[in-house]
Amino acid sequence: METLSTSIRAVVAEFCDLNVKWLVKNVKVGIASGVINDVGSPSEAAKTIFSSLEGGMMVVPVYGAIDHLRNVTKHLRYLYYRG
């Protein structure tokens, strides 16, 4: 993170926090409705989902392979989705 200015780091952190907060809310709803596996902390699940998707999106242009992101989403579904 040393390569980012303090102001940019703050904006990126706010973006991440807003997305994780949204995911926490939806993970809780999913667990309560039986759609998402209860794998422990909704906060940790949300952070895992967010980080996996962000990492997957970052790697796609490097390798030019959308299949990488598809595999990430497939495995997230396998881990969390009860359907």
PDB file of N, CA and C in Angstrom:
ATOM      1  N   MET A   1       0.804  -1.194   0.000  1.00  0.00           N
ATOM      2  CA  MET A   1       0.000   0.000   0.000  1.00  0.00           C
ATOM      3  C   MET A   1       0.851   1.263   0.000  1.00  0.00           C
ATOM      4  N   GLU A   2       2.132   1.154   0.128  1.00  0.00           N
ATOM      5  CA  GLU A   2       2.994   2.336   0.154  1.00  0.00           C
ATOM      6  C   GLU A   2       2.946   3.115  -1.158  1.00  0.00           C
ATOM      7  N   THR A   3       2.534   2.476  -2.234  1.00  0.00           N
ATOM      8  CA  THR A   3       2.524   3.154  -3.528  1.00  0.00           C
ATOM      9  C   THR A   3       1.313   4.071  -3.702  1.00  0.00           C
ATOM     10  N   LEU A   4       0.326   3.947  -2.826  1.00  0.00           N
ATOM     11  CA  LEU A   4      -0.866   4.788  -2.920  1.00  0.00           C
ATOM     12  C   LEU A   4      -0.773   5.943  -1.937  1.00  0.00           C
ATOM     13  N   SER A   5      -1.249   7.092  -2.380  1.00  0.00           N
ATOM     14  CA  SER A   5      -1.282   8.249  -1.476  1.00  0.00           C
ATOM     15  C   SER A   5      -2.312   7.988  -0.377  1.00  0.00           C
ATOM     16  N   THR A   6      -2.206   8.730   0.690  1.00  0.00           N
ATOM     17  CA  THR A   6      -3.125   8.582   1.819  1.00  0.00           C
ATOM     18  C   THR A   6      -4.569   8.812   1.394  1.00  0.00           C
ATOM     19  N   SER A   7      -4.801   9.818   0.550  1.00  0.00           N
ATOM     20  CA  SER A   7      -6.174  10.117   0.125  1.00  0.00           C
ATOM     21  C   SER A   7      -6.750   9.006  -0.761  1.00  0.00           C
ATOM     22  N   ILE A   8      -5.939   8.471  -1.641  1.00  0.00           N
ATOM     23  CA  ILE A   8      -6.407   7.371  -2.504  1.00  0.00           C
ATOM     24  C   ILE A   8      -6.659   6.127  -1.657  1.00  0.00           C
ATOM     25  N   ARG A   9      -5.773   5.840  -0.729  1.00  0.00           N
ATOM     26  CA  ARG A   9      -5.947   4.691   0.162  1.00  0.00           C
ATOM     27  C   ARG A   9      -7.266   4.805   0.925  1.00  0.00           C
ATOM     28  N   ALA A  10      -7.606   6.007   1.382  1.00  0.00           N
ATOM     29  CA  ALA A  10      -8.853   6.220   2.115  1.00  0.00           C
ATOM     30  C   ALA A  10     -10.066   5.939   1.233  1.00  0.00           C
ATOM     31  N   VAL A  11     -10.015   6.381  -0.011  1.00  0.00           N
ATOM     32  CA  VAL A  11     -11.126   6.151  -0.943  1.00  0.00           C
ATOM     33  C   VAL A  11     -11.270   4.658  -1.242  1.00  0.00           C
ATOM     34  N   VAL A  12     -10.168   3.976  -1.470  1.00  0.00           N
ATOM     35  CA  VAL A  12     -10.203   2.533  -1.739  1.00  0.00           C
ATOM     36  C   VAL A  12     -10.733   1.788  -0.520  1.00  0.00           C
ATOM     37  N   ALA A  13     -10.283   2.167   0.676  1.00  0.00           N
ATOM     38  CA  ALA A  13     -10.759   1.530   1.904  1.00  0.00           C
ATOM     39  C   ALA A  13     -12.259   1.738   2.076  1.00  0.00           C
ATOM     40  N   GLU A  14     -12.752   2.941   1.769  1.00  0.00           N
ATOM     41  CA  GLU A  14     -14.184   3.211   1.879  1.00  0.00           C
ATOM     42  C   GLU A  14     -14.970   2.339   0.900  1.00  0.00           C
ATOM     43  N   PHE A  15     -14.472   2.206  -0.333  1.00  0.00           N
ATOM     44  CA  PHE A  15     -15.104   1.340  -1.329  1.00  0.00           C
ATOM     45  C   PHE A  15     -15.186  -0.097  -0.818  1.00  0.00           C
ATOM     46  N   CYS A  16     -14.075  -0.600  -0.304  1.00  0.00           N
ATOM     47  CA  CYS A  16     -14.038  -1.975   0.213  1.00  0.00           C
ATOM     48  C   CYS A  16     -14.989  -2.137   1.390  1.00  0.00           C
ATOM     49  N   ASP A  17     -14.950  -1.206   2.323  1.00  0.00           N
ATOM     50  CA  ASP A  17     -15.805  -1.276   3.513  1.00  0.00           C
ATOM     51  C   ASP A  17     -17.290  -1.263   3.146  1.00  0.00           C
ATOM     52  N   LEU A  18     -17.676  -0.415   2.192  1.00  0.00           N
ATOM     53  CA  LEU A  18     -19.077  -0.356   1.762  1.00  0.00           C
ATOM     54  C   LEU A  18     -19.520  -1.679   1.133  1.00  0.00           C
ATOM     55  N   ASN A  19     -18.658  -2.262   0.325  1.00  0.00           N
ATOM     56  CA  ASN A  19     -19.000  -3.530  -0.312  1.00  0.00           C
ATOM     57  C   ASN A  19     -19.087  -4.661   0.702  1.00  0.00           C
ATOM     58  N   VAL A  20     -18.151  -4.707   1.634  1.00  0.00           N
ATOM     59  CA  VAL A  20     -18.174  -5.749   2.659  1.00  0.00           C
ATOM     60  C   VAL A  20     -19.406  -5.579   3.551  1.00  0.00           C
ATOM     61  N   LYS A  21     -19.732  -4.359   3.910  1.00  0.00           N
ATOM     62  CA  LYS A  21     -20.917  -4.099   4.733  1.00  0.00           C
ATOM     63  C   LYS A  21     -22.180  -4.595   4.027  1.00  0.00           C
ATOM     64  N   TRP A  22     -22.293  -4.327   2.724  1.00  0.00           N
ATOM     65  CA  TRP A  22     -23.425  -4.796   1.939  1.00  0.00           C
ATOM     66  C   TRP A  22     -23.460  -6.325   1.906  1.00  0.00           C
ATOM     67  N   LEU A  23     -22.288  -6.928   1.710  1.00  0.00           N
ATOM     68  CA  LEU A  23     -22.220  -8.390   1.682  1.00  0.00           C
ATOM     69  C   LEU A  23     -22.579  -9.002   3.030  1.00  0.00           C
ATOM     70  N   VAL A  24     -22.126  -8.405   4.135  1.00  0.00           N
ATOM     71  CA  VAL A  24     -22.458  -8.925   5.467  1.00  0.00           C
ATOM     72  C   VAL A  24     -23.981  -8.978   5.626  1.00  0.00           C
ATOM     73  N   LYS A  25     -24.641  -7.887   5.272  1.00  0.00           N
ATOM     74  CA  LYS A  25     -26.103  -7.830   5.381  1.00  0.00           C
ATOM     75  C   LYS A  25     -26.747  -8.947   4.569  1.00  0.00           C
ATOM     76  N   ASN A  26     -26.276  -9.151   3.349  1.00  0.00           N
ATOM     77  CA  ASN A  26     -26.875 -10.157   2.482  1.00  0.00           C
ATOM     78  C   ASN A  26     -26.496 -11.579   2.865  1.00  0.00           C
ATOM     79  N   VAL A  27     -25.311 -11.768   3.409  1.00  0.00           N
ATOM     80  CA  VAL A  27     -24.926 -13.089   3.922  1.00  0.00           C
ATOM     81  C   VAL A  27     -25.836 -13.457   5.096  1.00  0.00           C
ATOM     82  N   LYS A  28     -26.083 -12.509   5.989  1.00  0.00           N
ATOM     83  CA  LYS A  28     -26.984 -12.762   7.126  1.00  0.00           C
ATOM     84  C   LYS A  28     -28.379 -13.142   6.650  1.00  0.00           C
ATOM     85  N   VAL A  29     -28.892 -12.407   5.668  1.00  0.00           N
ATOM     86  CA  VAL A  29     -30.216 -12.715   5.112  1.00  0.00           C
ATOM     87  C   VAL A  29     -30.206 -14.099   4.480  1.00  0.00           C
ATOM     88  N   GLY A  30     -29.147 -14.403   3.743  1.00  0.00           N
ATOM     89  CA  GLY A  30     -29.036 -15.711   3.101  1.00  0.00           C
ATOM     90  C   GLY A  30     -28.965 -16.853   4.089  1.00  0.00           C
ATOM     91  N   ILE A  31     -28.232 -16.668   5.176  1.00  0.00           N
ATOM     92  CA  ILE A  31     -28.149 -17.700   6.210  1.00  0.00           C
ATOM     93  C   ILE A  31     -29.508 -17.884   6.877  1.00  0.00           C
ATOM     94  N   ALA A  32     -30.153 -16.770   7.242  1.00  0.00           N
ATOM     95  CA  ALA A  32     -31.461 -16.827   7.902  1.00  0.00           C
ATOM     96  C   ALA A  32     -32.519 -17.505   7.034  1.00  0.00           C
ATOM     97  N   SER A  33     -32.423 -17.306   5.722  1.00  0.00           N
ATOM     98  CA  SER A  33     -33.422 -17.898   4.820  1.00  0.00           C
ATOM     99  C   SER A  33     -33.034 -19.299   4.356  1.00  0.00           C
ATOM    100  N   GLY A  34     -31.851 -19.758   4.743  1.00  0.00           N
ATOM    101  CA  GLY A  34     -31.421 -21.108   4.380  1.00  0.00           C
ATOM    102  C   GLY A  34     -30.815 -21.226   2.997  1.00  0.00           C
ATOM    103  N   VAL A  35     -30.523 -20.115   2.359  1.00  0.00           N
ATOM    104  CA  VAL A  35     -29.955 -20.132   1.015  1.00  0.00           C
ATOM    105  C   VAL A  35     -28.431 -20.232   1.054  1.00  0.00           C
ATOM    106  N   ILE A  36     -27.843 -19.685   2.106  1.00  0.00           N
ATOM    107  CA  ILE A  36     -26.383 -19.684   2.247  1.00  0.00           C
ATOM    108  C   ILE A  36     -25.997 -20.553   3.435  1.00  0.00           C
ATOM    109  N   ASN A  37     -24.979 -21.374   3.259  1.00  0.00           N
ATOM    110  CA  ASN A  37     -24.468 -22.196   4.346  1.00  0.00           C
ATOM    111  C   ASN A  37     -23.971 -21.318   5.487  1.00  0.00           C
ATOM    112  N   ASP A  38     -24.278 -21.713   6.706  1.00  0.00           N
ATOM    113  CA  ASP A  38     -23.783 -21.002   7.881  1.00  0.00           C
ATOM    114  C   ASP A  38     -22.370 -21.501   8.151  1.00  0.00           C
ATOM    115  N   VAL A  39     -21.400 -20.737   7.678  1.00  0.00           N
ATOM    116  CA  VAL A  39     -20.004 -21.153   7.797  1.00  0.00           C
ATOM    117  C   VAL A  39     -19.266 -20.385   8.885  1.00  0.00           C
ATOM    118  N   GLY A  40     -20.027 -19.767   9.776  1.00  0.00           N
ATOM    119  CA  GLY A  40     -19.399 -19.010  10.851  1.00  0.00           C
ATOM    120  C   GLY A  40     -19.739 -17.542  10.752  1.00  0.00           C
ATOM    121  N   SER A  41     -18.762 -16.717  10.913  1.00  0.00           N
ATOM    122  CA  SER A  41     -18.939 -15.278  10.952  1.00  0.00           C
ATOM    123  C   SER A  41     -19.376 -14.717   9.593  1.00  0.00           C
ATOM    124  N   PRO A  42     -20.549 -14.064   9.528  1.00  0.00           N
ATOM    125  CA  PRO A  42     -20.957 -13.420   8.279  1.00  0.00           C
ATOM    126  C   PRO A  42     -19.942 -12.370   7.815  1.00  0.00           C
ATOM    127  N   SER A  43     -19.306 -11.693   8.767  1.00  0.00           N
ATOM    128  CA  SER A  43     -18.302 -10.692   8.424  1.00  0.00           C
ATOM    129  C   SER A  43     -17.096 -11.331   7.723  1.00  0.00           C
ATOM    130  N   GLU A  44     -16.632 -12.442   8.255  1.00  0.00           N
ATOM    131  CA  GLU A  44     -15.492 -13.131   7.635  1.00  0.00           C
ATOM    132  C   GLU A  44     -15.881 -13.724   6.282  1.00  0.00           C
ATOM    133  N   ALA A  45     -17.102 -14.246   6.186  1.00  0.00           N
ATOM    134  CA  ALA A  45     -17.578 -14.770   4.901  1.00  0.00           C
ATOM    135  C   ALA A  45     -17.634 -13.649   3.868  1.00  0.00           C
ATOM    136  N   ALA A  46     -18.145 -12.491   4.274  1.00  0.00           N
ATOM    137  CA  ALA A  46     -18.239 -11.348   3.362  1.00  0.00           C
ATOM    138  C   ALA A  46     -16.862 -10.897   2.895  1.00  0.00           C
ATOM    139  N   LYS A  47     -15.899 -10.850   3.809  1.00  0.00           N
ATOM    140  CA  LYS A  47     -14.536 -10.462   3.442  1.00  0.00           C
ATOM    141  C   LYS A  47     -13.920 -11.469   2.482  1.00  0.00           C
ATOM    142  N   THR A  48     -14.193 -12.748   2.701  1.00  0.00           N
ATOM    143  CA  THR A  48     -13.673 -13.795   1.815  1.00  0.00           C
ATOM    144  C   THR A  48     -14.275 -13.669   0.423  1.00  0.00           C
ATOM    145  N   ILE A  49     -15.584 -13.465   0.358  1.00  0.00           N
ATOM    146  CA  ILE A  49     -16.265 -13.320  -0.932  1.00  0.00           C
ATOM    147  C   ILE A  49     -15.730 -12.101  -1.676  1.00  0.00           C
ATOM    148  N   PHE A  50     -15.679 -10.967  -0.983  1.00  0.00           N
ATOM    149  CA  PHE A  50     -15.210  -9.735  -1.611  1.00  0.00           C
ATOM    150  C   PHE A  50     -13.772  -9.881  -2.107  1.00  0.00           C
ATOM    151  N   SER A  51     -12.899 -10.385  -1.260  1.00  0.00           N
ATOM    152  CA  SER A  51     -11.483 -10.525  -1.636  1.00  0.00           C
ATOM    153  C   SER A  51     -11.306 -11.494  -2.800  1.00  0.00           C
ATOM    154  N   SER A  52     -12.058 -12.581  -2.788  1.00  0.00           N
ATOM    155  CA  SER A  52     -11.962 -13.552  -3.878  1.00  0.00           C
ATOM    156  C   SER A  52     -12.393 -12.956  -5.207  1.00  0.00           C
ATOM    157  N   LEU A  53     -13.506 -12.234  -5.188  1.00  0.00           N
ATOM    158  CA  LEU A  53     -13.986 -11.624  -6.431  1.00  0.00           C
ATOM    159  C   LEU A  53     -13.057 -10.515  -6.912  1.00  0.00           C
ATOM    160  N   GLU A  54     -12.599  -9.663  -5.999  1.00  0.00           N
ATOM    161  CA  GLU A  54     -11.678  -8.592  -6.392  1.00  0.00           C
ATOM    162  C   GLU A  54     -10.376  -9.179  -6.950  1.00  0.00           C
ATOM    163  N   GLY A  55      -9.846 -10.184  -6.284  1.00  0.00           N
ATOM    164  CA  GLY A  55      -8.624 -10.827  -6.769  1.00  0.00           C
ATOM    165  C   GLY A  55      -8.836 -11.476  -8.121  1.00  0.00           C
ATOM    166  N   GLY A  56      -9.981 -12.138  -8.278  1.00  0.00           N
ATOM    167  CA  GLY A  56     -10.293 -12.770  -9.555  1.00  0.00           C
ATOM    168  C   GLY A  56     -10.378 -11.766 -10.682  1.00  0.00           C
ATOM    169  N   MET A  57     -11.010 -10.624 -10.411  1.00  0.00           N
ATOM    170  CA  MET A  57     -11.133  -9.589 -11.437  1.00  0.00           C
ATOM    171  C   MET A  57      -9.782  -8.958 -11.768  1.00  0.00           C
ATOM    172  N   MET A  58      -8.909  -8.898 -10.790  1.00  0.00           N
ATOM    173  CA  MET A  58      -7.592  -8.304 -11.018  1.00  0.00           C
ATOM    174  C   MET A  58      -6.703  -9.218 -11.874  1.00  0.00           C
ATOM    175  N   VAL A  59      -6.887 -10.514 -11.734  1.00  0.00           N
ATOM    176  CA  VAL A  59      -6.041 -11.476 -12.443  1.00  0.00           C
ATOM    177  C   VAL A  59      -6.498 -11.692 -13.885  1.00  0.00           C
ATOM    178  N   VAL A  60      -7.788 -11.522 -14.155  1.00  0.00           N
ATOM    179  CA  VAL A  60      -8.310 -11.774 -15.506  1.00  0.00           C
ATOM    180  C   VAL A  60      -7.543 -11.024 -16.590  1.00  0.00           C
ATOM    181  N   PRO A  61      -7.326  -9.717 -16.483  1.00  0.00           N
ATOM    182  CA  PRO A  61      -6.608  -9.027 -17.559  1.00  0.00           C
ATOM    183  C   PRO A  61      -5.141  -9.451 -17.682  1.00  0.00           C
ATOM    184  N   VAL A  62      -4.562  -9.900 -16.581  1.00  0.00           N
ATOM    185  CA  VAL A  62      -3.153 -10.328 -16.624  1.00  0.00           C
ATOM    186  C   VAL A  62      -3.001 -11.554 -17.504  1.00  0.00           C
ATOM    187  N   TYR A  63      -3.917 -12.511 -17.344  1.00  0.00           N
ATOM    188  CA  TYR A  63      -3.840 -13.756 -18.109  1.00  0.00           C
ATOM    189  C   TYR A  63      -4.762 -13.772 -19.321  1.00  0.00           C
ATOM    190  N   GLY A  64      -5.639 -12.766 -19.409  1.00  0.00           N
ATOM    191  CA  GLY A  64      -6.577 -12.725 -20.528  1.00  0.00           C
ATOM    192  C   GLY A  64      -7.543 -13.884 -20.517  1.00  0.00           C
ATOM    193  N   ALA A  65      -7.897 -14.347 -19.323  1.00  0.00           N
ATOM    194  CA  ALA A  65      -8.749 -15.526 -19.226  1.00  0.00           C
ATOM    195  C   ALA A  65      -9.904 -15.277 -18.263  1.00  0.00           C
ATOM    196  N   ILE A  66     -11.088 -15.063 -18.808  1.00  0.00           N
ATOM    197  CA  ILE A  66     -12.282 -14.870 -17.993  1.00  0.00           C
ATOM    198  C   ILE A  66     -12.616 -16.144 -17.229  1.00  0.00           C
ATOM    199  N   ASP A  67     -12.114 -17.282 -17.695  1.00  0.00           N
ATOM    200  CA  ASP A  67     -12.379 -18.543 -17.009  1.00  0.00           C
ATOM    201  C   ASP A  67     -11.871 -18.525 -15.568  1.00  0.00           C
ATOM    202  N   HIS A  68     -10.839 -17.757 -15.314  1.00  0.00           N
ATOM    203  CA  HIS A  68     -10.325 -17.663 -13.944  1.00  0.00           C
ATOM    204  C   HIS A  68     -11.407 -17.104 -13.014  1.00  0.00           C
ATOM    205  N   LEU A  69     -12.064 -16.038 -13.415  1.00  0.00           N
ATOM    206  CA  LEU A  69     -13.123 -15.444 -12.600  1.00  0.00           C
ATOM    207  C   LEU A  69     -14.317 -16.389 -12.507  1.00  0.00           C
ATOM    208  N   ARG A  70     -14.629 -17.077 -13.574  1.00  0.00           N
ATOM    209  CA  ARG A  70     -15.719 -18.059 -13.536  1.00  0.00           C
ATOM    210  C   ARG A  70     -15.422 -19.152 -12.516  1.00  0.00           C
ATOM    211  N   ASN A  71     -14.180 -19.594 -12.459  1.00  0.00           N
ATOM    212  CA  ASN A  71     -13.807 -20.613 -11.477  1.00  0.00           C
ATOM    213  C   ASN A  71     -13.902 -20.087 -10.052  1.00  0.00           C
ATOM    214  N   VAL A  72     -13.537 -18.833  -9.849  1.00  0.00           N
ATOM    215  CA  VAL A  72     -13.661 -18.228  -8.518  1.00  0.00           C
ATOM    216  C   VAL A  72     -15.128 -18.230  -8.095  1.00  0.00           C
ATOM    217  N   THR A  73     -16.008 -17.765  -8.975  1.00  0.00           N
ATOM    218  CA  THR A  73     -17.427 -17.708  -8.611  1.00  0.00           C
ATOM    219  C   THR A  73     -18.009 -19.102  -8.422  1.00  0.00           C
ATOM    220  N   LYS A  74     -17.560 -20.057  -9.222  1.00  0.00           N
ATOM    221  CA  LYS A  74     -18.027 -21.439  -9.075  1.00  0.00           C
ATOM    222  C   LYS A  74     -17.649 -21.986  -7.699  1.00  0.00           C
ATOM    223  N   HIS A  75     -16.443 -21.739  -7.268  1.00  0.00           N
ATOM    224  CA  HIS A  75     -15.997 -22.243  -5.970  1.00  0.00           C
ATOM    225  C   HIS A  75     -16.656 -21.494  -4.807  1.00  0.00           C
ATOM    226  N   LEU A  76     -16.901 -20.210  -4.964  1.00  0.00           N
ATOM    227  CA  LEU A  76     -17.635 -19.484  -3.927  1.00  0.00           C
ATOM    228  C   LEU A  76     -19.045 -20.044  -3.783  1.00  0.00           C
ATOM    229  N   ARG A  77     -19.688 -20.319  -4.913  1.00  0.00           N
ATOM    230  CA  ARG A  77     -21.024 -20.928  -4.863  1.00  0.00           C
ATOM    231  C   ARG A  77     -20.977 -22.280  -4.162  1.00  0.00           C
ATOM    232  N   TYR A  78     -19.979 -23.066  -4.478  1.00  0.00           N
ATOM    233  CA  TYR A  78     -19.824 -24.391  -3.865  1.00  0.00           C
ATOM    234  C   TYR A  78     -19.669 -24.265  -2.355  1.00  0.00           C
ATOM    235  N   LEU A  79     -18.897 -23.287  -1.903  1.00  0.00           N
ATOM    236  CA  LEU A  79     -18.645 -23.120  -0.472  1.00  0.00           C
ATOM    237  C   LEU A  79     -19.850 -22.581   0.298  1.00  0.00           C
ATOM    238  N   TYR A  80     -20.585 -21.637  -0.312  1.00  0.00           N
ATOM    239  CA  TYR A  80     -21.593 -20.903   0.433  1.00  0.00           C
ATOM    240  C   TYR A  80     -23.049 -21.204   0.078  1.00  0.00           C
ATOM    241  N   TYR A  81     -23.318 -21.548  -1.164  1.00  0.00           N
ATOM    242  CA  TYR A  81     -24.697 -21.674  -1.634  1.00  0.00           C
ATOM    243  C   TYR A  81     -25.281 -23.044  -1.274  1.00  0.00           C
ATOM    244  N   ARG A  82     -26.487 -23.037  -0.724  1.00  0.00           N
ATOM    245  CA  ARG A  82     -27.131 -24.283  -0.309  1.00  0.00           C
ATOM    246  C   ARG A  82     -28.065 -24.850  -1.367  1.00  0.00           C
ATOM    247  N   GLY A  83     -28.253 -24.153  -2.469  1.00  0.00           N
ATOM    248  CA  GLY A  83     -29.211 -24.559  -3.488  1.00  0.00           C
ATOM    249  C   GLY A  83     -28.809 -25.784  -4.183  1.00  0.00           C
TER     250      GLY A  83
END
